[in-house]
Amino acid sequence: MPNARKPTPKSICPQADGQPALGARFHLLFLIWRLHQRPTYGYALMQEIRQMAVGHKKTSAVYLALERLEEAGLVKSRLDSSGGRMRRLYQTTPKGWALYERIRRRMIRGTLRDFMRALAG
């Protein structure tokens, strides 16, 4: 039986040195949070990311992140034909939301938490 370790942003988006950039971790957390708010399509997520101007992400990068999150069981998708064409609708799983909450409680501290509160107004 394979080791059933809990997924983390580090295990989902490793880079060459095995550590994801801070921006990549936040990107994954944003996707988990956003898909918990309302299931949506990958292209719509891409549009939202561009509107927020939080950095330029290629469309393929968003779909790759969604694929990794789905492989880790943090989001799930289904084909949806509403609107006349087949599209993939993504949403956060309970496992994904549990990871988000764990990171929010344990890792968002100190100056980073103060900064995020200031952003929220």
C-alpha atoms as a PDB file:
ATOM      1  CA  MET A   1       0.000   0.000   0.000  1.00  0.00           C
ATOM      2  CA  PRO A   2       1.460   3.412  -0.974  1.00  0.00           C
ATOM      3  CA  ASN A   3       2.231   5.980   1.690  1.00  0.00           C
ATOM      4  CA  ALA A   4      -0.938   8.089   2.165  1.00  0.00           C
ATOM      5  CA  ARG A   5       0.682  11.390   3.088  1.00  0.00           C
ATOM      6  CA  LYS A   6      -1.432  14.513   3.147  1.00  0.00           C
ATOM      7  CA  PRO A   7      -0.872  16.654   0.049  1.00  0.00           C
ATOM      8  CA  THR A   8       0.725  20.050   0.501  1.00  0.00           C
ATOM      9  CA  PRO A   9       1.416  22.875  -1.947  1.00  0.00           C
ATOM     10  CA  LYS A  10       5.073  21.779  -1.877  1.00  0.00           C
ATOM     11  CA  SER A  11       4.172  18.240  -2.932  1.00  0.00           C
ATOM     12  CA  ILE A  12       1.768  19.390  -5.654  1.00  0.00           C
ATOM     13  CA  CYS A  13       3.956  21.910  -7.459  1.00  0.00           C
ATOM     14  CA  PRO A  14       7.609  20.983  -6.981  1.00  0.00           C
ATOM     15  CA  GLN A  15      10.257  22.883  -8.925  1.00  0.00           C
ATOM     16  CA  ALA A  16      13.697  21.735  -9.954  1.00  0.00           C
ATOM     17  CA  ASP A  17      15.016  22.200  -6.416  1.00  0.00           C
ATOM     18  CA  GLY A  18      11.957  20.502  -4.918  1.00  0.00           C
ATOM     19  CA  GLN A  19      10.569  23.742  -3.464  1.00  0.00           C
ATOM     20  CA  PRO A  20       7.780  25.714  -5.142  1.00  0.00           C
ATOM     21  CA  ALA A  21       8.012  29.461  -5.291  1.00  0.00           C
ATOM     22  CA  LEU A  22       5.869  31.330  -2.794  1.00  0.00           C
ATOM     23  CA  GLY A  23       3.760  32.647  -5.685  1.00  0.00           C
ATOM     24  CA  ALA A  24       3.027  29.103  -6.872  1.00  0.00           C
ATOM     25  CA  ARG A  25       1.827  28.123  -3.401  1.00  0.00           C
ATOM     26  CA  PHE A  26      -0.490  31.120  -3.224  1.00  0.00           C
ATOM     27  CA  HIS A  27      -1.733  30.378  -6.725  1.00  0.00           C
ATOM     28  CA  LEU A  28      -2.746  26.871  -5.652  1.00  0.00           C
ATOM     29  CA  LEU A  29      -4.373  28.154  -2.468  1.00  0.00           C
ATOM     30  CA  PHE A  30      -6.259  30.755  -4.481  1.00  0.00           C
ATOM     31  CA  LEU A  31      -7.596  28.062  -6.839  1.00  0.00           C
ATOM     32  CA  ILE A  32      -8.729  25.882  -3.929  1.00  0.00           C
ATOM     33  CA  TRP A  33     -10.383  28.853  -2.211  1.00  0.00           C
ATOM     34  CA  ARG A  34     -12.010  30.158  -5.388  1.00  0.00           C
ATOM     35  CA  LEU A  35     -13.425  26.772  -6.403  1.00  0.00           C
ATOM     36  CA  HIS A  36     -14.851  26.381  -2.910  1.00  0.00           C
ATOM     37  CA  GLN A  37     -16.731  29.675  -3.311  1.00  0.00           C
ATOM     38  CA  ARG A  38     -18.357  28.573  -6.551  1.00  0.00           C
ATOM     39  CA  PRO A  39     -17.558  25.758  -8.984  1.00  0.00           C
ATOM     40  CA  THR A  40     -16.355  27.204 -12.275  1.00  0.00           C
ATOM     41  CA  TYR A  41     -14.564  26.512 -15.532  1.00  0.00           C
ATOM     42  CA  GLY A  42     -10.825  26.763 -16.103  1.00  0.00           C
ATOM     43  CA  TYR A  43     -11.137  29.554 -18.652  1.00  0.00           C
ATOM     44  CA  ALA A  44     -13.273  31.632 -16.268  1.00  0.00           C
ATOM     45  CA  LEU A  45     -10.605  31.172 -13.573  1.00  0.00           C
ATOM     46  CA  MET A  46      -7.992  32.401 -16.016  1.00  0.00           C
ATOM     47  CA  GLN A  47     -10.038  35.514 -16.741  1.00  0.00           C
ATOM     48  CA  GLU A  48     -10.395  36.233 -13.012  1.00  0.00           C
ATOM     49  CA  ILE A  49      -6.657  35.862 -12.443  1.00  0.00           C
ATOM     50  CA  ARG A  50      -5.954  38.298 -15.284  1.00  0.00           C
ATOM     51  CA  GLN A  51      -8.491  40.811 -13.949  1.00  0.00           C
ATOM     52  CA  MET A  52      -6.868  40.727 -10.508  1.00  0.00           C
ATOM     53  CA  ALA A  53      -3.522  41.537 -12.132  1.00  0.00           C
ATOM     54  CA  VAL A  54      -1.675  39.198  -9.760  1.00  0.00           C
ATOM     55  CA  GLY A  55       0.843  38.233 -12.363  1.00  0.00           C
ATOM     56  CA  HIS A  56       0.677  36.908 -15.862  1.00  0.00           C
ATOM     57  CA  LYS A  57      -0.243  33.246 -15.987  1.00  0.00           C
ATOM     58  CA  LYS A  58      -0.438  31.319 -19.205  1.00  0.00           C
ATOM     59  CA  THR A  59      -3.721  29.525 -19.719  1.00  0.00           C
ATOM     60  CA  SER A  60      -1.806  26.248 -19.836  1.00  0.00           C
ATOM     61  CA  ALA A  61      -0.360  26.977 -16.360  1.00  0.00           C
ATOM     62  CA  VAL A  62      -3.852  27.270 -14.872  1.00  0.00           C
ATOM     63  CA  TYR A  63      -4.948  24.005 -16.456  1.00  0.00           C
ATOM     64  CA  LEU A  64      -1.740  22.289 -15.304  1.00  0.00           C
ATOM     65  CA  ALA A  65      -2.368  23.508 -11.745  1.00  0.00           C
ATOM     66  CA  LEU A  66      -5.967  22.269 -11.905  1.00  0.00           C
ATOM     67  CA  GLU A  67      -4.746  18.900 -13.177  1.00  0.00           C
ATOM     68  CA  ARG A  68      -2.244  18.590 -10.317  1.00  0.00           C
ATOM     69  CA  LEU A  69      -4.865  19.588  -7.762  1.00  0.00           C
ATOM     70  CA  GLU A  70      -7.261  17.034  -9.198  1.00  0.00           C
ATOM     71  CA  GLU A  71      -4.625  14.281  -9.183  1.00  0.00           C
ATOM     72  CA  ALA A  72      -4.004  15.064  -5.504  1.00  0.00           C
ATOM     73  CA  GLY A  73      -7.744  14.852  -4.782  1.00  0.00           C
ATOM     74  CA  LEU A  74      -7.980  18.513  -3.784  1.00  0.00           C
ATOM     75  CA  VAL A  75     -10.375  19.490  -6.566  1.00  0.00           C
ATOM     76  CA  LYS A  76     -12.681  17.462  -8.758  1.00  0.00           C
ATOM     77  CA  SER A  77     -14.158  18.104 -12.153  1.00  0.00           C
ATOM     78  CA  ARG A  78     -17.011  16.953 -14.313  1.00  0.00           C
ATOM     79  CA  LEU A  79     -18.019  17.533 -17.877  1.00  0.00           C
ATOM     80  CA  ASP A  80     -20.800  20.055 -18.247  1.00  0.00           C
ATOM     81  CA  SER A  81     -22.768  20.664 -21.435  1.00  0.00           C
ATOM     82  CA  SER A  82     -24.881  23.624 -20.314  1.00  0.00           C
ATOM     83  CA  GLY A  83     -24.523  26.460 -22.779  1.00  0.00           C
ATOM     84  CA  GLY A  84     -24.343  24.100 -25.739  1.00  0.00           C
ATOM     85  CA  ARG A  85     -20.743  22.921 -25.540  1.00  0.00           C
ATOM     86  CA  MET A  86     -18.807  20.518 -23.360  1.00  0.00           C
ATOM     87  CA  ARG A  87     -16.647  22.168 -20.722  1.00  0.00           C
ATOM     88  CA  ARG A  88     -14.995  20.933 -17.555  1.00  0.00           C
ATOM     89  CA  LEU A  89     -16.449  22.344 -14.332  1.00  0.00           C
ATOM     90  CA  TYR A  90     -14.087  22.342 -11.328  1.00  0.00           C
ATOM     91  CA  GLN A  91     -14.845  22.464  -7.613  1.00  0.00           C
ATOM     92  CA  THR A  92     -12.969  21.985  -4.345  1.00  0.00           C
ATOM     93  CA  THR A  93     -13.234  18.643  -2.565  1.00  0.00           C
ATOM     94  CA  PRO A  94     -13.549  18.298   1.214  1.00  0.00           C
ATOM     95  CA  LYS A  95      -9.914  17.152   1.234  1.00  0.00           C
ATOM     96  CA  GLY A  96      -8.900  20.312  -0.636  1.00  0.00           C
ATOM     97  CA  TRP A  97     -10.813  22.558   1.727  1.00  0.00           C
ATOM     98  CA  ALA A  98      -9.261  20.818   4.733  1.00  0.00           C
ATOM     99  CA  LEU A  99      -5.784  21.525   3.309  1.00  0.00           C
ATOM    100  CA  TYR A 100      -6.698  25.164   2.685  1.00  0.00           C
ATOM    101  CA  GLU A 101      -7.963  25.571   6.246  1.00  0.00           C
ATOM    102  CA  ARG A 102      -4.899  23.847   7.694  1.00  0.00           C
ATOM    103  CA  ILE A 103      -2.565  26.155   5.794  1.00  0.00           C
ATOM    104  CA  ARG A 104      -4.636  29.226   6.611  1.00  0.00           C
ATOM    105  CA  ARG A 105      -4.535  28.444  10.337  1.00  0.00           C
ATOM    106  CA  ARG A 106      -0.938  27.283  10.636  1.00  0.00           C
ATOM    107  CA  MET A 107       1.084  29.029   7.969  1.00  0.00           C
ATOM    108  CA  ILE A 108      -0.423  32.464   7.413  1.00  0.00           C
ATOM    109  CA  ARG A 109       1.065  34.293  10.398  1.00  0.00           C
ATOM    110  CA  GLY A 110       2.870  37.394  11.489  1.00  0.00           C
ATOM    111  CA  THR A 111       3.720  39.990   8.881  1.00  0.00           C
ATOM    112  CA  LEU A 112       2.020  38.058   6.092  1.00  0.00           C
ATOM    113  CA  ARG A 113      -1.262  37.915   8.032  1.00  0.00           C
ATOM    114  CA  ASP A 114      -0.999  41.631   8.843  1.00  0.00           C
ATOM    115  CA  PHE A 115      -0.376  42.417   5.180  1.00  0.00           C
ATOM    116  CA  MET A 116      -3.366  40.356   4.038  1.00  0.00           C
ATOM    117  CA  ARG A 117      -5.634  42.048   6.602  1.00  0.00           C
ATOM    118  CA  ALA A 118      -4.433  45.444   5.394  1.00  0.00           C
ATOM    119  CA  LEU A 119      -5.248  44.471   1.811  1.00  0.00           C
ATOM    120  CA  ALA A 120      -8.773  43.528   2.848  1.00  0.00           C
ATOM    121  CA  GLY A 121      -9.246  46.960   4.389  1.00  0.00           C
END
